[in-house]
Amino acid sequence: MENKQHINNQVDDTFNVLDKIEKVKVNHFFKHKVLQKINTDIEVVKPIKFSWFTPNFQLATLSIVLLLNIGAIFYAFSITENTSTSDLDIFAQEYSLRSKNDSLLK
């Protein structure tokens, strides 16, 4: 029973403290000033360094780079070995690099 009485005393003390709290007197412009301060803090935005590099421009740049890469790959694999060997033969004939002798020791 003592514990229950102790808890009741603490509850009564708490309510008594709440009754003793006095009303705070504030300037009537306080709310306006606080709200204005909050709004100015929110409106300050750091400038974006790359504002011109928007997502649409990024997508267009990516698609152009991909198309260039695909074109380069198709061009590289479309050249056959015969054309490169024939180019070497033509080069050797033009500059007389091909001898009638195939031996390197003579």
N, C-alpha and C. Protein backbone atom coordinates (compact mmCIF):
# COMPACT_ATOMS: atom_id res chain seq x y z
N MET A 1 0.80 -1.20 0.00
CA MET A 1 0.00 0.00 0.00
C MET A 1 0.85 1.27 0.00
N GLU A 2 1.99 1.15 0.64
CA GLU A 2 2.86 2.31 0.69
C GLU A 2 3.32 2.74 -0.70
N ASN A 3 3.58 1.78 -1.52
CA ASN A 3 4.04 2.05 -2.88
C ASN A 3 2.96 2.77 -3.68
N LYS A 4 1.73 2.33 -3.50
CA LYS A 4 0.61 2.96 -4.22
C LYS A 4 0.42 4.39 -3.74
N GLN A 5 0.56 4.61 -2.45
CA GLN A 5 0.42 5.96 -1.91
C GLN A 5 1.56 6.86 -2.38
N HIS A 6 2.76 6.29 -2.48
CA HIS A 6 3.91 7.05 -2.96
C HIS A 6 3.71 7.49 -4.43
N ILE A 7 3.21 6.58 -5.23
CA ILE A 7 2.94 6.91 -6.64
C ILE A 7 1.87 7.99 -6.74
N ASN A 8 0.83 7.91 -5.93
CA ASN A 8 -0.23 8.93 -5.93
C ASN A 8 0.32 10.30 -5.52
N ASN A 9 1.24 10.32 -4.58
CA ASN A 9 1.85 11.58 -4.15
C ASN A 9 2.68 12.20 -5.28
N GLN A 10 3.41 11.35 -5.99
CA GLN A 10 4.21 11.85 -7.12
C GLN A 10 3.32 12.41 -8.23
N VAL A 11 2.21 11.74 -8.49
CA VAL A 11 1.28 12.22 -9.52
C VAL A 11 0.70 13.56 -9.09
N ASP A 12 0.32 13.70 -7.84
CA ASP A 12 -0.23 14.97 -7.33
C ASP A 12 0.81 16.08 -7.41
N ASP A 13 2.06 15.75 -7.07
CA ASP A 13 3.14 16.75 -7.17
C ASP A 13 3.34 17.21 -8.61
N THR A 14 3.24 16.27 -9.53
CA THR A 14 3.40 16.62 -10.94
C THR A 14 2.30 17.57 -11.39
N PHE A 15 1.07 17.29 -11.01
CA PHE A 15 -0.03 18.17 -11.39
C PHE A 15 0.09 19.53 -10.72
N ASN A 16 0.60 19.58 -9.53
CA ASN A 16 0.80 20.85 -8.84
C ASN A 16 1.85 21.70 -9.55
N VAL A 17 2.89 21.06 -10.03
CA VAL A 17 3.93 21.79 -10.76
C VAL A 17 3.34 22.35 -12.05
N LEU A 18 2.50 21.60 -12.70
CA LEU A 18 1.88 22.08 -13.94
C LEU A 18 0.99 23.29 -13.67
N ASP A 19 0.33 23.33 -12.51
CA ASP A 19 -0.51 24.48 -12.18
C ASP A 19 0.31 25.73 -11.88
N LYS A 20 1.55 25.57 -11.46
CA LYS A 20 2.39 26.70 -11.10
C LYS A 20 3.08 27.34 -12.30
N ILE A 21 3.02 26.70 -13.46
CA ILE A 21 3.68 27.26 -14.64
C ILE A 21 2.94 28.52 -15.07
N GLU A 22 3.71 29.60 -15.27
CA GLU A 22 3.11 30.86 -15.67
C GLU A 22 3.14 31.00 -17.19
N LYS A 23 2.25 31.79 -17.68
CA LYS A 23 2.17 32.04 -19.12
C LYS A 23 3.35 32.91 -19.54
N VAL A 24 3.96 32.52 -20.66
CA VAL A 24 5.12 33.25 -21.16
C VAL A 24 4.63 34.40 -22.02
N LYS A 25 5.21 35.57 -21.80
CA LYS A 25 4.82 36.73 -22.59
C LYS A 25 5.83 36.91 -23.71
N VAL A 26 5.35 36.88 -24.95
CA VAL A 26 6.22 37.01 -26.11
C VAL A 26 5.72 38.15 -26.99
N ASN A 27 6.63 38.63 -27.77
CA ASN A 27 6.27 39.65 -28.75
C ASN A 27 5.28 39.04 -29.75
N HIS A 28 4.27 39.78 -30.14
CA HIS A 28 3.26 39.23 -31.04
C HIS A 28 3.80 39.00 -32.45
N PHE A 29 4.99 39.52 -32.77
CA PHE A 29 5.61 39.26 -34.08
C PHE A 29 6.57 38.06 -34.03
N PHE A 30 6.66 37.39 -32.91
CA PHE A 30 7.60 36.29 -32.74
C PHE A 30 7.33 35.17 -33.75
N LYS A 31 6.07 34.79 -33.89
CA LYS A 31 5.72 33.70 -34.80
C LYS A 31 6.08 34.07 -36.23
N HIS A 32 5.78 35.29 -36.62
CA HIS A 32 6.09 35.75 -37.97
C HIS A 32 7.59 35.73 -38.23
N LYS A 33 8.39 36.18 -37.25
CA LYS A 33 9.84 36.21 -37.40
C LYS A 33 10.41 34.80 -37.52
N VAL A 34 9.90 33.89 -36.72
CA VAL A 34 10.40 32.51 -36.75
C VAL A 34 10.07 31.86 -38.10
N LEU A 35 8.84 32.03 -38.55
CA LEU A 35 8.45 31.45 -39.84
C LEU A 35 9.25 32.05 -40.99
N GLN A 36 9.51 33.35 -40.92
CA GLN A 36 10.31 34.01 -41.96
C GLN A 36 11.73 33.47 -41.95
N LYS A 37 12.29 33.26 -40.79
CA LYS A 37 13.65 32.72 -40.66
C LYS A 37 13.71 31.31 -41.22
N ILE A 38 12.71 30.50 -40.95
CA ILE A 38 12.67 29.13 -41.47
C ILE A 38 12.59 29.15 -42.99
N ASN A 39 11.75 30.02 -43.54
CA ASN A 39 11.61 30.10 -44.99
C ASN A 39 12.88 30.57 -45.67
N THR A 40 13.59 31.50 -45.09
CA THR A 40 14.84 31.97 -45.71
C THR A 40 15.91 30.89 -45.64
N ASP A 41 15.92 30.10 -44.58
CA ASP A 41 16.88 29.01 -44.48
C ASP A 41 16.60 27.93 -45.53
N ILE A 42 15.34 27.68 -45.80
CA ILE A 42 14.97 26.66 -46.79
C ILE A 42 15.27 27.13 -48.20
N GLU A 43 15.07 28.40 -48.48
CA GLU A 43 15.24 28.91 -49.83
C GLU A 43 16.69 28.98 -50.27
N VAL A 44 17.63 28.98 -49.34
CA VAL A 44 19.04 29.03 -49.70
C VAL A 44 19.43 27.67 -50.25
N VAL A 45 19.66 27.63 -51.55
CA VAL A 45 20.01 26.39 -52.23
C VAL A 45 21.38 26.58 -52.85
N LYS A 46 22.23 25.58 -52.71
CA LYS A 46 23.55 25.66 -53.32
C LYS A 46 23.40 25.59 -54.83
N PRO A 47 24.10 26.45 -55.55
CA PRO A 47 24.01 26.40 -57.00
C PRO A 47 24.64 25.11 -57.54
N ILE A 48 23.99 24.55 -58.53
CA ILE A 48 24.47 23.33 -59.13
C ILE A 48 25.58 23.69 -60.12
N LYS A 49 26.71 23.01 -60.01
CA LYS A 49 27.86 23.34 -60.85
C LYS A 49 27.61 22.96 -62.31
N PHE A 50 26.97 21.82 -62.53
CA PHE A 50 26.73 21.35 -63.88
C PHE A 50 25.24 21.43 -64.20
N SER A 51 24.66 22.61 -64.11
CA SER A 51 23.23 22.75 -64.34
C SER A 51 22.86 22.52 -65.80
N TRP A 52 23.82 22.65 -66.70
CA TRP A 52 23.55 22.44 -68.12
C TRP A 52 23.54 20.95 -68.46
N PHE A 53 24.08 20.11 -67.59
CA PHE A 53 24.16 18.67 -67.87
C PHE A 53 22.94 17.98 -67.28
N THR A 54 21.78 18.27 -67.85
CA THR A 54 20.52 17.74 -67.36
C THR A 54 20.38 16.27 -67.74
N PRO A 55 19.45 15.55 -67.14
CA PRO A 55 19.27 14.13 -67.47
C PRO A 55 18.96 13.90 -68.96
N ASN A 56 18.22 14.80 -69.59
CA ASN A 56 17.95 14.63 -71.02
C ASN A 56 19.24 14.73 -71.83
N PHE A 57 20.07 15.68 -71.48
CA PHE A 57 21.34 15.85 -72.19
C PHE A 57 22.27 14.67 -71.90
N GLN A 58 22.22 14.13 -70.69
CA GLN A 58 23.03 12.96 -70.35
C GLN A 58 22.61 11.76 -71.19
N LEU A 59 21.30 11.57 -71.35
CA LEU A 59 20.80 10.46 -72.15
C LEU A 59 21.21 10.61 -73.61
N ALA A 60 21.12 11.81 -74.15
CA ALA A 60 21.52 12.04 -75.54
C ALA A 60 23.02 11.79 -75.71
N THR A 61 23.82 12.24 -74.77
CA THR A 61 25.27 12.03 -74.85
C THR A 61 25.60 10.54 -74.78
N LEU A 62 24.95 9.84 -73.88
CA LEU A 62 25.17 8.40 -73.76
C LEU A 62 24.80 7.67 -75.03
N SER A 63 23.67 8.03 -75.64
CA SER A 63 23.25 7.35 -76.86
C SER A 63 24.23 7.64 -78.02
N ILE A 64 24.75 8.85 -78.11
CA ILE A 64 25.72 9.17 -79.16
C ILE A 64 27.01 8.38 -78.96
N VAL A 65 27.48 8.29 -77.73
CA VAL A 65 28.70 7.53 -77.46
C VAL A 65 28.49 6.06 -77.79
N LEU A 66 27.35 5.50 -77.42
CA LEU A 66 27.07 4.10 -77.73
C LEU A 66 27.00 3.86 -79.23
N LEU A 67 26.37 4.77 -79.96
CA LEU A 67 26.29 4.62 -81.42
C LEU A 67 27.68 4.68 -82.06
N LEU A 68 28.52 5.58 -81.58
CA LEU A 68 29.88 5.66 -82.11
C LEU A 68 30.67 4.39 -81.81
N ASN A 69 30.51 3.84 -80.62
CA ASN A 69 31.20 2.60 -80.27
C ASN A 69 30.72 1.43 -81.11
N ILE A 70 29.42 1.33 -81.31
CA ILE A 70 28.87 0.24 -82.12
C ILE A 70 29.36 0.37 -83.56
N GLY A 71 29.37 1.59 -84.08
CA GLY A 71 29.87 1.81 -85.45
C GLY A 71 31.33 1.45 -85.57
N ALA A 72 32.13 1.78 -84.58
CA ALA A 72 33.56 1.45 -84.62
C ALA A 72 33.78 -0.06 -84.57
N ILE A 73 32.98 -0.75 -83.75
CA ILE A 73 33.10 -2.21 -83.66
C ILE A 73 32.72 -2.86 -84.98
N PHE A 74 31.60 -2.43 -85.59
CA PHE A 74 31.21 -3.01 -86.88
C PHE A 74 32.24 -2.72 -87.95
N TYR A 75 32.82 -1.54 -87.96
CA TYR A 75 33.83 -1.19 -88.94
C TYR A 75 35.09 -2.04 -88.75
N ALA A 76 35.47 -2.25 -87.49
CA ALA A 76 36.68 -3.03 -87.22
C ALA A 76 36.52 -4.49 -87.62
N PHE A 77 35.35 -5.05 -87.43
CA PHE A 77 35.16 -6.46 -87.75
C PHE A 77 34.70 -6.69 -89.19
N SER A 78 34.39 -5.66 -89.91
CA SER A 78 33.99 -5.85 -91.32
C SER A 78 35.20 -5.98 -92.24
N ILE A 79 36.35 -5.53 -91.82
CA ILE A 79 37.57 -5.65 -92.61
C ILE A 79 38.04 -7.10 -92.54
N THR A 80 38.26 -7.72 -93.69
CA THR A 80 38.68 -9.11 -93.71
C THR A 80 40.20 -9.19 -93.80
N GLU A 81 40.72 -10.37 -93.57
CA GLU A 81 42.16 -10.58 -93.62
C GLU A 81 42.70 -10.46 -95.04
N ASN A 82 41.91 -10.78 -96.04
CA ASN A 82 42.38 -10.73 -97.43
C ASN A 82 42.73 -9.31 -97.84
N THR A 83 41.99 -8.36 -97.39
CA THR A 83 42.28 -6.98 -97.77
C THR A 83 43.58 -6.51 -97.15
N SER A 84 43.85 -6.94 -95.94
CA SER A 84 45.08 -6.49 -95.30
C SER A 84 46.30 -7.16 -95.93
N THR A 85 46.17 -8.43 -96.29
CA THR A 85 47.32 -9.09 -96.95
C THR A 85 47.52 -8.55 -98.35
N SER A 86 46.43 -8.24 -99.03
CA SER A 86 46.60 -7.68 -100.37
C SER A 86 47.19 -6.28 -100.29
N ASP A 87 46.87 -5.55 -99.25
CA ASP A 87 47.47 -4.23 -99.06
C ASP A 87 48.97 -4.36 -98.83
N LEU A 88 49.37 -5.39 -98.09
CA LEU A 88 50.80 -5.62 -97.86
C LEU A 88 51.51 -5.99 -99.15
N ASP A 89 50.87 -6.81 -99.97
CA ASP A 89 51.48 -7.19 -101.25
C ASP A 89 51.64 -5.98 -102.16
N ILE A 90 50.64 -5.14 -102.21
CA ILE A 90 50.70 -3.94 -103.04
C ILE A 90 51.81 -3.02 -102.52
N PHE A 91 51.94 -2.87 -101.22
CA PHE A 91 52.99 -2.04 -100.63
C PHE A 91 54.37 -2.59 -100.97
N ALA A 92 54.53 -3.91 -100.87
CA ALA A 92 55.83 -4.53 -101.16
C ALA A 92 56.19 -4.38 -102.64
N GLN A 93 55.23 -4.47 -103.52
CA GLN A 93 55.50 -4.31 -104.96
C GLN A 93 55.86 -2.88 -105.28
N GLU A 94 55.20 -1.93 -104.66
CA GLU A 94 55.45 -0.52 -104.93
C GLU A 94 56.87 -0.12 -104.54
N TYR A 95 57.35 -0.61 -103.46
CA TYR A 95 58.66 -0.22 -102.97
C TYR A 95 59.73 -1.28 -103.24
N SER A 96 59.42 -2.22 -104.07
CA SER A 96 60.34 -3.29 -104.48
C SER A 96 60.96 -3.98 -103.27
N LEU A 97 60.13 -4.32 -102.35
CA LEU A 97 60.60 -5.00 -101.15
C LEU A 97 60.61 -6.52 -101.32
N ARG A 98 59.95 -7.01 -102.31
CA ARG A 98 59.88 -8.43 -102.53
C ARG A 98 60.99 -8.82 -103.50
N SER A 99 61.79 -9.71 -103.06
CA SER A 99 62.87 -10.18 -103.95
C SER A 99 62.47 -11.49 -104.55
N LYS A 100 63.20 -11.86 -105.58
CA LYS A 100 62.88 -13.13 -106.24
C LYS A 100 63.38 -14.29 -105.40
N ASN A 101 64.32 -14.00 -104.55
CA ASN A 101 64.87 -14.98 -103.64
C ASN A 101 64.08 -14.97 -102.35
N ASP A 102 63.71 -16.10 -101.85
CA ASP A 102 63.00 -16.14 -100.58
C ASP A 102 63.96 -16.43 -99.42
N SER A 103 65.19 -16.65 -99.73
CA SER A 103 66.17 -16.98 -98.70
C SER A 103 66.72 -15.71 -98.08
N LEU A 104 66.85 -15.72 -96.82
CA LEU A 104 67.39 -14.56 -96.13
C LEU A 104 68.92 -14.58 -96.05
N LEU A 105 69.53 -15.76 -96.25
CA LEU A 105 70.96 -15.90 -96.11
C LEU A 105 71.73 -15.49 -97.35
N LYS A 106 71.15 -15.41 -98.49
CA LYS A 106 71.85 -15.09 -99.73
C LYS A 106 72.04 -13.64 -99.94
